[in-house]
Amino acid sequence: MAVQIGATTHSFSDPTALLSDCHRRIEMFFETLEKVADHIDEPLAHDAGRALESALRYFREAAPKHTADEEESVFPRLRQSCDPEVKAALAAFDVLEQEHRRAESLHTQIEILGKLCLEQGHLSNFEAIDFRKAVADLGSIYRKHIRMEDVVVFPIAARILSAADKAEIAGEMAARRG
């Protein structure tokens, strides 16, 4: 069952809009991490534990598919374009891919500490500091990263990519999700 944020949820037939919908889910689950981080050195309430577990699962299972959608399906097709708007944005693709690597590293740290919190019921002061720093660093990446994709990359892709490209991207996205 798809998580619906707002009034509409897009389908694979509109892959760039669907990727933007994924950003809303990323923001929602990231907000959960921020809320849990505020109290992670205190005994974890049952509902906070469930929320943390859901956020960790989302970032472990769904977020890598989103990254693959961008890096394996959208970005390569845009890089092949001769469109001047795409050429002007090409440097941004490299930065976005570097941010993906940095985010993956932070998610690994958050996953390890989050699981530890779920096992112990809270984190020590030092572990909590590390968790909060990883969440803060990830937040600084996500805010800028998501804005760049939603405001620049996806609108360009929606205009530039052919219907055949979009259909291929949609098929690749669907295949990643089984």
C-alpha atoms as a PDB file:
ATOM      1  CA  MET A   1       0.000   0.000   0.000  1.00  0.00           C
ATOM      2  CA  ALA A   2       1.411   3.387  -0.998  1.00  0.00           C
ATOM      3  CA  VAL A   3       1.834   6.142   1.532  1.00  0.00           C
ATOM      4  CA  GLN A   4      -0.146   9.128   0.352  1.00  0.00           C
ATOM      5  CA  ILE A   5       1.126  12.560   1.279  1.00  0.00           C
ATOM      6  CA  GLY A   6      -1.142  15.425   0.304  1.00  0.00           C
ATOM      7  CA  ALA A   7      -4.019  15.236  -2.126  1.00  0.00           C
ATOM      8  CA  THR A   8      -2.463  13.117  -4.878  1.00  0.00           C
ATOM      9  CA  THR A   9       0.026  10.326  -5.368  1.00  0.00           C
ATOM     10  CA  HIS A  10       1.564   9.907  -8.791  1.00  0.00           C
ATOM     11  CA  SER A  11       2.048   6.630 -10.610  1.00  0.00           C
ATOM     12  CA  PHE A  12       4.961   5.147 -12.542  1.00  0.00           C
ATOM     13  CA  SER A  13       3.488   6.759 -15.673  1.00  0.00           C
ATOM     14  CA  ASP A  14       4.873  10.083 -14.388  1.00  0.00           C
ATOM     15  CA  PRO A  15       8.267   9.040 -12.985  1.00  0.00           C
ATOM     16  CA  THR A  16       9.617  12.487 -12.098  1.00  0.00           C
ATOM     17  CA  ALA A  17       6.452  13.364 -10.189  1.00  0.00           C
ATOM     18  CA  LEU A  18       6.633   9.979  -8.458  1.00  0.00           C
ATOM     19  CA  LEU A  19      10.242  10.713  -7.458  1.00  0.00           C
ATOM     20  CA  SER A  20       9.098  14.031  -6.026  1.00  0.00           C
ATOM     21  CA  ASP A  21       6.378  12.157  -4.091  1.00  0.00           C
ATOM     22  CA  CYS A  22       9.190   9.984  -2.697  1.00  0.00           C
ATOM     23  CA  HIS A  23      10.825  13.171  -1.435  1.00  0.00           C
ATOM     24  CA  ARG A  24       7.714  13.878   0.639  1.00  0.00           C
ATOM     25  CA  ARG A  25       8.040  10.420   2.213  1.00  0.00           C
ATOM     26  CA  ILE A  26      11.757  10.990   2.824  1.00  0.00           C
ATOM     27  CA  GLU A  27      10.906  14.268   4.561  1.00  0.00           C
ATOM     28  CA  MET A  28       8.197  12.581   6.643  1.00  0.00           C
ATOM     29  CA  PHE A  29      10.459   9.752   7.825  1.00  0.00           C
ATOM     30  CA  PHE A  30      13.349  12.144   8.341  1.00  0.00           C
ATOM     31  CA  GLU A  31      11.125  14.280  10.575  1.00  0.00           C
ATOM     32  CA  THR A  32      10.558  11.135  12.642  1.00  0.00           C
ATOM     33  CA  LEU A  33      14.322  10.742  13.049  1.00  0.00           C
ATOM     34  CA  GLU A  34      14.600  14.373  14.166  1.00  0.00           C
ATOM     35  CA  LYS A  35      11.836  13.955  16.744  1.00  0.00           C
ATOM     36  CA  VAL A  36      13.332  10.736  18.117  1.00  0.00           C
ATOM     37  CA  ALA A  37      16.803  12.328  18.205  1.00  0.00           C
ATOM     38  CA  ASP A  38      15.536  14.958  20.665  1.00  0.00           C
ATOM     39  CA  HIS A  39      14.856  12.255  23.283  1.00  0.00           C
ATOM     40  CA  ILE A  40      17.012   9.319  22.251  1.00  0.00           C
ATOM     41  CA  ASP A  41      19.012   9.375  25.493  1.00  0.00           C
ATOM     42  CA  GLU A  42      15.810   8.930  27.510  1.00  0.00           C
ATOM     43  CA  PRO A  43      13.742   5.737  27.842  1.00  0.00           C
ATOM     44  CA  LEU A  44      12.104   5.227  24.465  1.00  0.00           C
ATOM     45  CA  ALA A  45       8.301   5.301  24.549  1.00  0.00           C
ATOM     46  CA  HIS A  46       6.579   2.427  22.713  1.00  0.00           C
ATOM     47  CA  ASP A  47       5.139   4.664  19.961  1.00  0.00           C
ATOM     48  CA  ALA A  48       8.509   6.403  19.498  1.00  0.00           C
ATOM     49  CA  GLY A  49      10.167   3.001  19.161  1.00  0.00           C
ATOM     50  CA  ARG A  50       7.677   1.934  16.481  1.00  0.00           C
ATOM     51  CA  ALA A  51       8.179   5.241  14.654  1.00  0.00           C
ATOM     52  CA  LEU A  52      11.967   4.867  14.821  1.00  0.00           C
ATOM     53  CA  GLU A  53      11.732   1.296  13.555  1.00  0.00           C
ATOM     54  CA  SER A  54       9.528   2.409  10.635  1.00  0.00           C
ATOM     55  CA  ALA A  55      11.875   5.248   9.711  1.00  0.00           C
ATOM     56  CA  LEU A  56      14.933   2.980   9.842  1.00  0.00           C
ATOM     57  CA  ARG A  57      13.151   0.396   7.663  1.00  0.00           C
ATOM     58  CA  TYR A  58      12.136   3.051   5.127  1.00  0.00           C
ATOM     59  CA  PHE A  59      15.659   4.409   4.807  1.00  0.00           C
ATOM     60  CA  ARG A  60      17.136   0.891   4.699  1.00  0.00           C
ATOM     61  CA  GLU A  61      14.721  -0.560   2.120  1.00  0.00           C
ATOM     62  CA  ALA A  62      12.993   2.154   0.079  1.00  0.00           C
ATOM     63  CA  ALA A  63      15.463   5.040  -0.029  1.00  0.00           C
ATOM     64  CA  PRO A  64      18.182   3.064  -1.877  1.00  0.00           C
ATOM     65  CA  LYS A  65      15.656   2.326  -4.639  1.00  0.00           C
ATOM     66  CA  HIS A  66      14.967   6.051  -4.948  1.00  0.00           C
ATOM     67  CA  THR A  67      18.693   6.734  -5.255  1.00  0.00           C
ATOM     68  CA  ALA A  68      18.988   4.028  -7.921  1.00  0.00           C
ATOM     69  CA  ASP A  69      16.024   5.541  -9.780  1.00  0.00           C
ATOM     70  CA  GLU A  70      17.914   8.798 -10.027  1.00  0.00           C
ATOM     71  CA  GLU A  71      21.442   7.505 -10.624  1.00  0.00           C
ATOM     72  CA  GLU A  72      20.658   4.564 -12.891  1.00  0.00           C
ATOM     73  CA  SER A  73      17.566   5.781 -14.741  1.00  0.00           C
ATOM     74  CA  VAL A  74      17.122   9.571 -14.741  1.00  0.00           C
ATOM     75  CA  PHE A  75      20.628  11.073 -14.563  1.00  0.00           C
ATOM     76  CA  PRO A  76      22.186   8.924 -17.330  1.00  0.00           C
ATOM     77  CA  ARG A  77      19.403   9.828 -19.747  1.00  0.00           C
ATOM     78  CA  LEU A  78      19.734  13.506 -18.931  1.00  0.00           C
ATOM     79  CA  ARG A  79      23.510  13.325 -19.402  1.00  0.00           C
ATOM     80  CA  GLN A  80      22.910  12.084 -22.965  1.00  0.00           C
ATOM     81  CA  SER A  81      20.838  15.163 -23.796  1.00  0.00           C
ATOM     82  CA  CYS A  82      22.238  18.021 -25.863  1.00  0.00           C
ATOM     83  CA  ASP A  83      19.702  20.435 -24.405  1.00  0.00           C
ATOM     84  CA  PRO A  84      21.416  23.611 -23.112  1.00  0.00           C
ATOM     85  CA  GLU A  85      19.343  23.595 -19.919  1.00  0.00           C
ATOM     86  CA  VAL A  86      20.563  20.080 -19.150  1.00  0.00           C
ATOM     87  CA  LYS A  87      24.166  20.990 -19.998  1.00  0.00           C
ATOM     88  CA  ALA A  88      23.951  23.884 -17.519  1.00  0.00           C
ATOM     89  CA  ALA A  89      22.712  21.517 -14.813  1.00  0.00           C
ATOM     90  CA  LEU A  90      25.235  18.703 -15.424  1.00  0.00           C
ATOM     91  CA  ALA A  91      27.554  19.761 -12.590  1.00  0.00           C
ATOM     92  CA  ALA A  92      24.609  19.462 -10.223  1.00  0.00           C
ATOM     93  CA  PHE A  93      24.240  15.753 -11.075  1.00  0.00           C
ATOM     94  CA  ASP A  94      27.782  15.065  -9.845  1.00  0.00           C
ATOM     95  CA  VAL A  95      27.120  16.981  -6.625  1.00  0.00           C
ATOM     96  CA  LEU A  96      23.824  15.140  -6.101  1.00  0.00           C
ATOM     97  CA  GLU A  97      25.556  11.784  -6.551  1.00  0.00           C
ATOM     98  CA  GLN A  98      28.251  12.803  -4.036  1.00  0.00           C
ATOM     99  CA  GLU A  99      25.504  13.782  -1.613  1.00  0.00           C
ATOM    100  CA  HIS A 100      23.913  10.355  -2.112  1.00  0.00           C
ATOM    101  CA  ARG A 101      27.189   8.726  -0.992  1.00  0.00           C
ATOM    102  CA  ARG A 102      27.451  10.994   2.052  1.00  0.00           C
ATOM    103  CA  ALA A 103      23.789  10.353   2.933  1.00  0.00           C
ATOM    104  CA  GLU A 104      24.343   6.579   2.651  1.00  0.00           C
ATOM    105  CA  SER A 105      27.210   6.824   5.132  1.00  0.00           C
ATOM    106  CA  LEU A 106      25.089   8.831   7.565  1.00  0.00           C
ATOM    107  CA  HIS A 107      22.188   6.404   7.181  1.00  0.00           C
ATOM    108  CA  THR A 108      24.518   3.536   8.066  1.00  0.00           C
ATOM    109  CA  GLN A 109      25.523   5.333  11.252  1.00  0.00           C
ATOM    110  CA  ILE A 110      21.891   6.187  12.066  1.00  0.00           C
ATOM    111  CA  GLU A 111      20.847   2.577  11.390  1.00  0.00           C
ATOM    112  CA  ILE A 112      23.484   1.172  13.752  1.00  0.00           C
ATOM    113  CA  LEU A 113      22.680   3.618  16.537  1.00  0.00           C
ATOM    114  CA  GLY A 114      18.925   3.364  15.941  1.00  0.00           C
ATOM    115  CA  LYS A 115      19.005  -0.434  16.238  1.00  0.00           C
ATOM    116  CA  LEU A 116      21.094  -0.096  19.397  1.00  0.00           C
ATOM    117  CA  CYS A 117      18.489   2.274  20.808  1.00  0.00           C
ATOM    118  CA  LEU A 118      15.700  -0.167  19.968  1.00  0.00           C
ATOM    119  CA  GLU A 119      17.596  -2.984  21.689  1.00  0.00           C
ATOM    120  CA  GLN A 120      18.561  -0.999  24.807  1.00  0.00           C
ATOM    121  CA  GLY A 121      15.550   1.309  25.031  1.00  0.00           C
ATOM    122  CA  HIS A 122      17.735   4.431  24.820  1.00  0.00           C
ATOM    123  CA  LEU A 123      21.241   5.554  23.886  1.00  0.00           C
ATOM    124  CA  SER A 124      24.044   6.637  26.193  1.00  0.00           C
ATOM    125  CA  ASN A 125      24.885  10.342  26.207  1.00  0.00           C
ATOM    126  CA  PHE A 126      27.832   9.805  23.832  1.00  0.00           C
ATOM    127  CA  GLU A 127      25.794   7.620  21.477  1.00  0.00           C
ATOM    128  CA  ALA A 128      22.966  10.161  21.542  1.00  0.00           C
ATOM    129  CA  ILE A 129      25.398  12.926  20.566  1.00  0.00           C
ATOM    130  CA  ASP A 130      26.593  10.820  17.615  1.00  0.00           C
ATOM    131  CA  PHE A 131      23.003  10.026  16.576  1.00  0.00           C
ATOM    132  CA  ARG A 132      21.953  13.683  16.774  1.00  0.00           C
ATOM    133  CA  LYS A 133      24.990  14.820  14.784  1.00  0.00           C
ATOM    134  CA  ALA A 134      24.344  12.239  12.066  1.00  0.00           C
ATOM    135  CA  VAL A 135      20.679  13.292  11.874  1.00  0.00           C
ATOM    136  CA  ALA A 136      21.630  17.000  11.763  1.00  0.00           C
ATOM    137  CA  ASP A 137      24.235  16.390   9.053  1.00  0.00           C
ATOM    138  CA  LEU A 138      21.744  14.347   7.049  1.00  0.00           C
ATOM    139  CA  GLY A 139      19.162  17.116   7.421  1.00  0.00           C
ATOM    140  CA  SER A 140      21.536  19.708   6.021  1.00  0.00           C
ATOM    141  CA  ILE A 141      22.152  17.462   3.009  1.00  0.00           C
ATOM    142  CA  TYR A 142      18.494  16.598   2.452  1.00  0.00           C
ATOM    143  CA  ARG A 143      17.113  20.118   2.603  1.00  0.00           C
ATOM    144  CA  LYS A 144      19.414  21.366  -0.152  1.00  0.00           C
ATOM    145  CA  HIS A 145      19.433  18.114  -2.117  1.00  0.00           C
ATOM    146  CA  ILE A 146      15.671  17.645  -2.311  1.00  0.00           C
ATOM    147  CA  ARG A 147      15.158  21.288  -3.248  1.00  0.00           C
ATOM    148  CA  MET A 148      17.683  20.999  -6.116  1.00  0.00           C
ATOM    149  CA  GLU A 149      15.994  17.898  -7.468  1.00  0.00           C
ATOM    150  CA  ASP A 150      12.416  19.138  -7.042  1.00  0.00           C
ATOM    151  CA  VAL A 151      13.058  22.658  -8.369  1.00  0.00           C
ATOM    152  CA  VAL A 152      15.729  22.054 -11.035  1.00  0.00           C
ATOM    153  CA  VAL A 153      16.383  18.431 -12.003  1.00  0.00           C
ATOM    154  CA  PHE A 154      12.905  16.891 -12.079  1.00  0.00           C
ATOM    155  CA  PRO A 155      11.257  19.792 -13.950  1.00  0.00           C
ATOM    156  CA  ILE A 156      14.036  19.654 -16.556  1.00  0.00           C
ATOM    157  CA  ALA A 157      13.633  15.880 -16.837  1.00  0.00           C
ATOM    158  CA  ALA A 158       9.865  16.195 -17.183  1.00  0.00           C
ATOM    159  CA  ARG A 159      10.325  18.632 -20.093  1.00  0.00           C
ATOM    160  CA  ILE A 160      13.339  17.080 -21.811  1.00  0.00           C
ATOM    161  CA  LEU A 161      12.837  13.331 -21.602  1.00  0.00           C
ATOM    162  CA  SER A 162      10.821  11.704 -24.357  1.00  0.00           C
ATOM    163  CA  ALA A 163       7.720   9.651 -23.682  1.00  0.00           C
ATOM    164  CA  ALA A 164       9.777   6.551 -24.504  1.00  0.00           C
ATOM    165  CA  ASP A 165      12.464   7.566 -21.979  1.00  0.00           C
ATOM    166  CA  LYS A 166       9.830   8.156 -19.313  1.00  0.00           C
ATOM    167  CA  ALA A 167       8.229   4.775 -20.044  1.00  0.00           C
ATOM    168  CA  GLU A 168      11.635   3.060 -19.767  1.00  0.00           C
ATOM    169  CA  ILE A 169      12.366   4.877 -16.497  1.00  0.00           C
ATOM    170  CA  ALA A 170       8.938   3.879 -15.169  1.00  0.00           C
ATOM    171  CA  GLY A 171       9.593   0.245 -16.071  1.00  0.00           C
ATOM    172  CA  GLU A 172      13.000   0.317 -14.375  1.00  0.00           C
ATOM    173  CA  MET A 173      11.490   1.923 -11.256  1.00  0.00           C
ATOM    174  CA  ALA A 174       8.723  -0.677 -11.121  1.00  0.00           C
ATOM    175  CA  ALA A 175      11.237  -3.506 -11.564  1.00  0.00           C
ATOM    176  CA  ARG A 176      13.307  -2.221  -8.613  1.00  0.00           C
ATOM    177  CA  ARG A 177      10.199  -2.501  -6.465  1.00  0.00           C
ATOM    178  CA  GLY A 178       9.213  -5.946  -7.722  1.00  0.00           C
END
